[in-house]
N, C-alpha and C. Protein backbone atom coordinates (compact mmCIF):
# COMPACT_ATOMS: atom_id res chain seq x y z
N GLN A 1 112.22 60.99 160.50
CA GLN A 1 111.55 62.41 160.11
C GLN A 1 111.47 63.57 161.49
N VAL A 2 111.44 64.56 161.47
CA VAL A 2 111.30 65.29 162.42
C VAL A 2 109.84 65.72 162.75
N HIS A 3 109.51 65.76 163.87
CA HIS A 3 108.31 65.99 164.91
C HIS A 3 108.72 67.29 165.29
N LEU A 4 107.43 68.30 165.00
CA LEU A 4 107.80 69.40 165.35
C LEU A 4 106.27 70.20 166.53
N VAL A 5 106.62 70.68 167.56
CA VAL A 5 105.33 70.79 168.42
C VAL A 5 105.49 72.08 168.69
N GLU A 6 104.46 72.69 168.34
CA GLU A 6 104.38 74.53 168.90
C GLU A 6 103.46 74.44 169.90
N SER A 7 103.95 75.72 170.83
CA SER A 7 103.28 76.01 172.02
C SER A 7 103.49 77.25 172.83
N ALA A 8 102.66 77.61 173.22
CA ALA A 8 102.53 79.08 174.24
C ALA A 8 101.47 80.43 173.47
N GLY A 9 100.83 79.32 172.44
CA GLY A 9 100.15 80.84 171.53
C GLY A 9 99.12 80.48 172.12
N GLY A 10 98.09 81.82 172.30
CA GLY A 10 97.10 82.46 173.34
C GLY A 10 96.36 83.80 172.71
N LEU A 11 95.86 84.39 173.51
CA LEU A 11 95.41 85.90 173.75
C LEU A 11 96.19 86.54 174.34
N ALA A 12 96.40 87.81 173.66
CA ALA A 12 97.06 89.06 174.18
C ALA A 12 96.06 90.47 173.62
N GLN A 13 96.96 91.45 174.59
CA GLN A 13 95.59 92.30 173.45
C GLN A 13 96.75 93.50 172.47
N ALA A 14 95.81 94.07 172.02
CA ALA A 14 97.10 95.02 170.93
C ALA A 14 97.86 95.89 172.05
N GLY A 15 99.40 95.58 171.12
CA GLY A 15 100.90 96.20 171.73
C GLY A 15 101.10 95.29 173.17
N GLY A 16 100.85 94.16 173.12
CA GLY A 16 101.28 93.08 174.00
C GLY A 16 101.91 92.18 173.38
N SER A 17 102.94 91.48 174.24
CA SER A 17 103.48 90.30 173.57
C SER A 17 102.92 88.87 173.90
N LEU A 18 103.62 88.30 173.21
CA LEU A 18 103.49 86.42 173.29
C LEU A 18 105.52 86.23 172.87
N ARG A 19 105.36 84.91 173.48
CA ARG A 19 106.42 84.08 173.40
C ARG A 19 106.17 82.63 172.35
N LEU A 20 106.37 82.29 171.06
CA LEU A 20 105.97 80.78 170.43
C LEU A 20 107.22 79.88 171.05
N SER A 21 106.91 78.78 171.48
CA SER A 21 108.38 77.35 170.93
C SER A 21 108.00 76.70 170.40
N CYS A 22 108.52 76.30 169.47
CA CYS A 22 108.35 75.44 168.47
C CYS A 22 109.45 73.96 169.44
N ALA A 23 109.21 73.07 169.73
CA ALA A 23 110.05 71.71 169.88
C ALA A 23 110.28 70.87 169.04
N ALA A 24 111.41 70.43 168.71
CA ALA A 24 111.42 70.01 167.69
C ALA A 24 112.38 68.27 168.43
N SER A 25 112.31 67.21 167.42
CA SER A 25 113.00 65.79 167.37
C SER A 25 114.18 66.36 167.63
N GLU A 26 115.18 66.38 168.75
CA GLU A 26 116.67 66.52 169.39
C GLU A 26 117.58 66.22 168.16
N ARG A 27 117.14 64.79 167.61
CA ARG A 27 118.31 63.85 167.10
C ARG A 27 119.24 64.64 165.86
N THR A 28 118.65 65.52 165.15
CA THR A 28 118.65 66.58 163.85
C THR A 28 117.63 67.95 163.55
N PHE A 29 117.74 68.35 164.93
CA PHE A 29 117.07 69.61 164.81
C PHE A 29 118.26 70.80 164.54
N SER A 30 119.41 70.51 164.27
CA SER A 30 120.80 71.77 164.22
C SER A 30 120.96 71.28 162.79
N SER A 31 120.14 69.70 162.09
CA SER A 31 120.61 69.84 160.78
C SER A 31 119.48 70.46 159.49
N TYR A 32 118.92 71.36 160.53
CA TYR A 32 117.52 72.15 159.53
C TYR A 32 117.38 73.81 160.14
N ALA A 33 117.17 74.27 158.69
CA ALA A 33 116.81 75.91 158.96
C ALA A 33 115.48 76.26 159.83
N MET A 34 114.96 77.03 160.53
CA MET A 34 113.53 76.87 160.38
C MET A 34 113.28 78.24 160.16
N GLY A 35 111.91 77.95 160.02
CA GLY A 35 111.01 78.73 159.53
C GLY A 35 109.43 79.01 160.57
N TRP A 36 108.96 80.46 160.55
CA TRP A 36 107.70 80.39 161.41
C TRP A 36 106.85 81.21 160.04
N PHE A 37 105.53 80.79 159.82
CA PHE A 37 104.85 81.20 158.92
C PHE A 37 103.47 81.69 160.21
N ARG A 38 102.45 81.66 159.19
CA ARG A 38 101.05 82.27 159.86
C ARG A 38 100.53 82.00 158.28
N GLN A 39 98.63 81.75 158.81
CA GLN A 39 97.57 81.57 158.59
C GLN A 39 96.45 82.22 158.70
N ALA A 40 96.08 83.13 158.44
CA ALA A 40 94.69 83.88 158.73
C ALA A 40 93.45 83.23 158.26
N PRO A 41 92.46 83.42 159.17
CA PRO A 41 91.12 83.00 157.82
C PRO A 41 91.50 83.35 156.98
N GLY A 42 90.95 82.58 155.81
CA GLY A 42 90.53 82.76 154.47
C GLY A 42 92.07 83.86 153.61
N LYS A 43 93.01 83.22 154.54
CA LYS A 43 94.21 83.95 153.42
C LYS A 43 94.82 83.39 153.19
N GLU A 44 96.03 83.34 152.50
CA GLU A 44 96.89 81.96 152.70
C GLU A 44 97.81 82.71 153.37
N ARG A 45 98.58 81.02 153.46
CA ARG A 45 100.10 80.86 154.34
C ARG A 45 100.96 81.89 154.02
N GLU A 46 101.69 82.43 155.10
CA GLU A 46 102.43 83.51 154.86
C GLU A 46 104.01 83.15 155.47
N ILE A 47 104.90 83.62 154.99
CA ILE A 47 106.25 83.52 156.04
C ILE A 47 106.72 84.40 157.03
N VAL A 48 106.63 84.27 157.95
CA VAL A 48 106.86 85.56 159.15
C VAL A 48 108.22 86.03 159.54
N ALA A 49 108.92 84.46 159.61
CA ALA A 49 110.45 84.81 159.98
C ALA A 49 111.65 83.28 159.46
N ALA A 50 112.82 83.43 159.59
CA ALA A 50 113.61 82.38 159.11
C ALA A 50 114.87 81.97 159.94
N ILE A 51 115.37 81.38 160.13
CA ILE A 51 116.65 81.45 161.26
C ILE A 51 117.50 80.42 160.33
N SER A 52 119.08 80.39 160.32
CA SER A 52 119.97 79.71 159.46
C SER A 52 120.18 78.45 160.65
N LYS A 53 120.77 77.50 160.21
CA LYS A 53 120.91 76.19 161.08
C LYS A 53 121.96 76.90 162.44
N SER A 54 122.72 77.24 162.35
CA SER A 54 123.09 77.93 163.69
C SER A 54 122.95 79.13 164.30
N GLY A 55 121.64 79.56 163.67
CA GLY A 55 121.45 80.80 164.45
C GLY A 55 121.81 82.25 163.75
N GLY A 56 123.01 82.29 163.37
CA GLY A 56 123.62 83.44 162.64
C GLY A 56 123.01 84.29 161.32
N ILE A 57 121.81 83.81 160.68
CA ILE A 57 121.05 84.46 159.78
C ILE A 57 120.19 84.69 159.83
N THR A 58 119.11 85.52 159.86
CA THR A 58 117.83 85.92 160.30
C THR A 58 117.20 86.32 159.46
N ARG A 59 116.18 86.44 158.98
CA ARG A 59 115.16 86.85 157.62
C ARG A 59 113.56 87.24 158.57
N TYR A 60 113.25 88.45 157.75
CA TYR A 60 112.04 89.06 158.21
C TYR A 60 111.10 89.36 157.28
N ALA A 61 109.66 88.94 157.76
CA ALA A 61 108.56 89.49 156.31
C ALA A 61 109.01 90.93 157.06
N ASP A 62 108.57 91.38 155.95
CA ASP A 62 108.48 93.48 156.32
C ASP A 62 107.49 93.38 156.99
N SER A 63 106.08 92.88 157.31
CA SER A 63 104.91 93.27 158.05
C SER A 63 105.37 92.86 159.53
N VAL A 64 106.77 92.38 159.71
CA VAL A 64 106.38 92.17 161.67
C VAL A 64 108.06 92.61 161.73
N LYS A 65 108.97 93.41 160.63
CA LYS A 65 110.53 93.45 161.13
C LYS A 65 110.45 94.74 162.13
N GLY A 66 110.37 94.66 163.26
CA GLY A 66 111.18 95.82 164.64
C GLY A 66 110.16 95.31 165.24
N ARG A 67 109.47 94.06 165.21
CA ARG A 67 108.51 93.41 166.26
C ARG A 67 108.28 92.56 166.75
N PHE A 68 108.98 91.46 166.25
CA PHE A 68 109.49 90.40 165.95
C PHE A 68 110.59 89.86 166.26
N THR A 69 110.79 88.78 166.88
CA THR A 69 112.05 88.02 166.76
C THR A 69 112.54 86.68 166.71
N ILE A 70 113.05 85.90 165.72
CA ILE A 70 113.40 84.41 165.95
C ILE A 70 114.31 84.21 166.43
N SER A 71 114.31 83.40 166.83
CA SER A 71 115.92 82.70 167.37
C SER A 71 115.95 81.05 168.20
N ARG A 72 116.72 80.54 168.05
CA ARG A 72 116.19 79.12 168.68
C ARG A 72 118.12 78.84 169.22
N ASP A 73 117.67 77.71 170.19
CA ASP A 73 118.51 76.60 171.00
C ASP A 73 118.70 75.90 170.51
N ASN A 74 119.64 75.46 170.00
CA ASN A 74 119.85 74.16 169.57
C ASN A 74 120.08 72.97 170.56
N ALA A 75 121.13 72.92 171.63
CA ALA A 75 121.03 72.49 172.54
C ALA A 75 119.48 71.79 173.53
N LYS A 76 118.97 72.44 173.28
CA LYS A 76 117.44 72.32 173.84
C LYS A 76 116.18 72.22 172.77
N ALA A 77 116.79 72.13 171.27
CA ALA A 77 115.78 71.64 170.15
C ALA A 77 114.98 72.67 169.93
N THR A 78 114.71 73.50 170.20
CA THR A 78 113.70 74.55 170.04
C THR A 78 113.92 76.13 169.94
N ALA A 79 112.93 76.30 168.99
CA ALA A 79 112.97 77.53 168.29
C ALA A 79 112.22 78.42 168.50
N TYR A 80 111.97 79.72 168.72
CA TYR A 80 111.26 80.66 169.53
C TYR A 80 110.98 81.69 167.93
N LEU A 81 110.02 81.96 168.67
CA LEU A 81 109.42 83.59 168.07
C LEU A 81 108.53 84.25 169.29
N GLN A 82 109.68 85.18 169.33
CA GLN A 82 109.30 86.28 170.13
C GLN A 82 108.47 87.65 169.77
N MET A 83 107.47 88.08 169.79
CA MET A 83 106.46 88.66 169.14
C MET A 83 106.49 89.98 170.05
N ASN A 84 106.52 91.03 169.54
CA ASN A 84 105.72 92.27 170.44
C ASN A 84 105.05 93.08 169.55
N SER A 85 104.66 94.19 170.44
CA SER A 85 103.90 95.55 169.67
C SER A 85 102.73 94.73 168.90
N LEU A 86 102.25 93.27 169.72
CA LEU A 86 100.55 92.82 168.20
C LEU A 86 99.45 93.43 168.27
N GLN A 87 99.89 93.20 166.58
CA GLN A 87 98.42 94.15 166.69
C GLN A 87 97.52 93.00 165.91
N PRO A 88 96.04 93.41 166.15
CA PRO A 88 94.83 92.56 165.70
C PRO A 88 95.27 91.76 164.54
N GLU A 89 96.39 92.55 163.31
CA GLU A 89 96.23 91.88 162.10
C GLU A 89 97.22 90.81 162.23
N ASP A 90 98.13 90.67 163.15
CA ASP A 90 98.97 89.14 163.22
C ASP A 90 98.13 88.16 164.11
N THR A 91 96.51 88.24 163.86
CA THR A 91 95.70 87.09 164.70
C THR A 91 96.18 85.85 163.18
N ALA A 92 96.22 85.14 163.65
CA ALA A 92 96.61 83.78 162.57
C ALA A 92 96.48 82.28 163.47
N VAL A 93 96.80 81.53 162.57
CA VAL A 93 98.00 80.01 163.58
C VAL A 93 98.89 80.25 162.87
N TYR A 94 99.60 80.03 163.81
CA TYR A 94 100.76 80.21 163.42
C TYR A 94 101.94 78.95 163.23
N TYR A 95 102.65 78.38 162.71
CA TYR A 95 103.15 77.57 162.32
C TYR A 95 104.65 77.29 162.38
N CYS A 96 105.41 76.32 163.00
CA CYS A 96 107.15 76.45 162.74
C CYS A 96 107.18 75.68 162.03
N ALA A 97 108.30 75.41 161.09
CA ALA A 97 108.50 74.42 159.68
C ALA A 97 109.90 74.67 159.65
N ALA A 98 110.55 73.05 159.15
CA ALA A 98 112.15 72.33 159.55
C ALA A 98 112.53 72.91 157.84
N ASP A 99 113.82 73.32 157.20
CA ASP A 99 114.43 72.75 156.27
C ASP A 99 115.44 72.77 156.12
N GLY A 100 115.23 71.74 155.54
CA GLY A 100 116.74 70.92 155.11
C GLY A 100 117.94 71.77 154.53
N ARG A 101 117.68 73.08 154.10
CA ARG A 101 119.00 73.73 153.44
C ARG A 101 119.07 74.33 154.27
N ASP A 102 119.85 74.95 154.11
CA ASP A 102 120.26 76.26 155.00
C ASP A 102 120.17 77.76 154.80
N LEU A 103 120.17 79.00 155.03
CA LEU A 103 119.62 79.99 154.50
C LEU A 103 121.04 80.50 154.04
N ARG A 104 120.42 81.06 152.73
CA ARG A 104 121.96 81.77 152.23
C ARG A 104 121.28 82.78 151.24
N TYR A 105 122.06 83.70 150.47
CA TYR A 105 121.91 84.65 149.60
C TYR A 105 120.90 83.76 148.61
N GLY A 106 119.84 83.79 148.15
CA GLY A 106 119.29 83.74 146.97
C GLY A 106 118.50 82.67 147.54
N SER A 107 118.39 82.09 148.58
CA SER A 107 117.48 80.77 149.01
C SER A 107 116.33 81.10 148.98
N SER A 108 115.14 79.98 148.97
CA SER A 108 113.84 80.23 149.06
C SER A 108 113.31 80.76 150.43
N TRP A 109 113.92 81.12 151.49
CA TRP A 109 113.40 81.09 153.01
C TRP A 109 112.11 81.63 152.69
N TYR A 110 111.41 82.15 152.30
CA TYR A 110 110.37 82.34 152.55
C TYR A 110 108.75 81.90 152.04
N ARG A 111 109.63 80.86 151.27
CA ARG A 111 108.62 79.79 150.41
C ARG A 111 107.69 78.81 150.98
N SER A 112 106.21 78.43 151.69
CA SER A 112 106.51 77.21 152.41
C SER A 112 106.82 76.24 151.92
N ASP A 113 107.07 75.88 150.54
CA ASP A 113 107.38 74.62 149.77
C ASP A 113 108.43 74.74 149.33
N GLU A 114 109.55 75.32 150.49
CA GLU A 114 110.92 74.95 150.86
C GLU A 114 111.18 74.37 151.78
N TYR A 115 110.29 74.43 152.65
CA TYR A 115 110.34 73.80 154.02
C TYR A 115 109.64 72.24 153.98
N ASN A 116 110.71 71.65 154.40
CA ASN A 116 110.44 69.74 154.85
C ASN A 116 108.85 69.59 155.44
N TYR A 117 109.47 70.07 156.84
CA TYR A 117 108.21 69.44 157.81
C TYR A 117 107.82 70.47 158.72
N TRP A 118 106.37 70.22 159.31
CA TRP A 118 105.61 71.19 159.76
C TRP A 118 105.07 71.19 161.18
N GLY A 119 104.69 71.53 161.78
CA GLY A 119 104.25 71.52 163.48
C GLY A 119 102.65 71.82 163.11
N GLN A 120 102.00 71.50 163.80
CA GLN A 120 100.09 71.49 163.76
C GLN A 120 99.81 73.07 163.62
N GLY A 121 100.35 73.67 164.97
CA GLY A 121 100.34 75.02 164.49
C GLY A 121 99.66 75.68 165.43
N THR A 122 99.15 77.20 166.68
CA THR A 122 99.47 77.33 166.97
C THR A 122 98.18 78.40 167.20
N GLN A 123 97.28 78.80 168.13
CA GLN A 123 96.58 79.88 167.49
C GLN A 123 97.18 80.70 168.33
N VAL A 124 97.10 82.08 167.82
CA VAL A 124 97.28 83.16 168.24
C VAL A 124 96.05 84.35 167.69
N THR A 125 95.66 84.77 169.36
CA THR A 125 94.54 86.16 168.65
C THR A 125 95.16 87.21 169.28
N VAL A 126 95.20 88.01 168.77
CA VAL A 126 95.17 89.68 169.18
C VAL A 126 93.72 90.56 169.27
N SER A 127 93.29 90.83 170.45
CA SER A 127 91.97 91.41 170.34
C SER A 127 93.04 93.31 170.55
N SER A 128 91.85 94.01 169.94
CA SER A 128 91.67 95.65 170.35
C SER A 128 91.09 96.16 170.75
């Protein structure tokens, strides 16, 4: 099994930045594509970004393109989400997730049921 632990969530002002980390079991980290999802109160969970096993391919939800950057360091078994130009609408619990299938054309990278393992989430709150 793969254990995922999110960290570095917190409070930011509109226009500010936060960098989330997702520490994973080192043994199998490079065997998984990684995704970041978020869920605001009363709303369904939605994709934020995803990255392929090697880091060569990334995908983003339209709502965060140009503002957020997903990355990974396989040597450290860690995925990251750099969030810039934060808006109050970005307030949510953010989850990292691992997918045994790699990102590719036609893949369901944006679907929560594509992913096999989930972290417990970290709260991100953006004030205006």
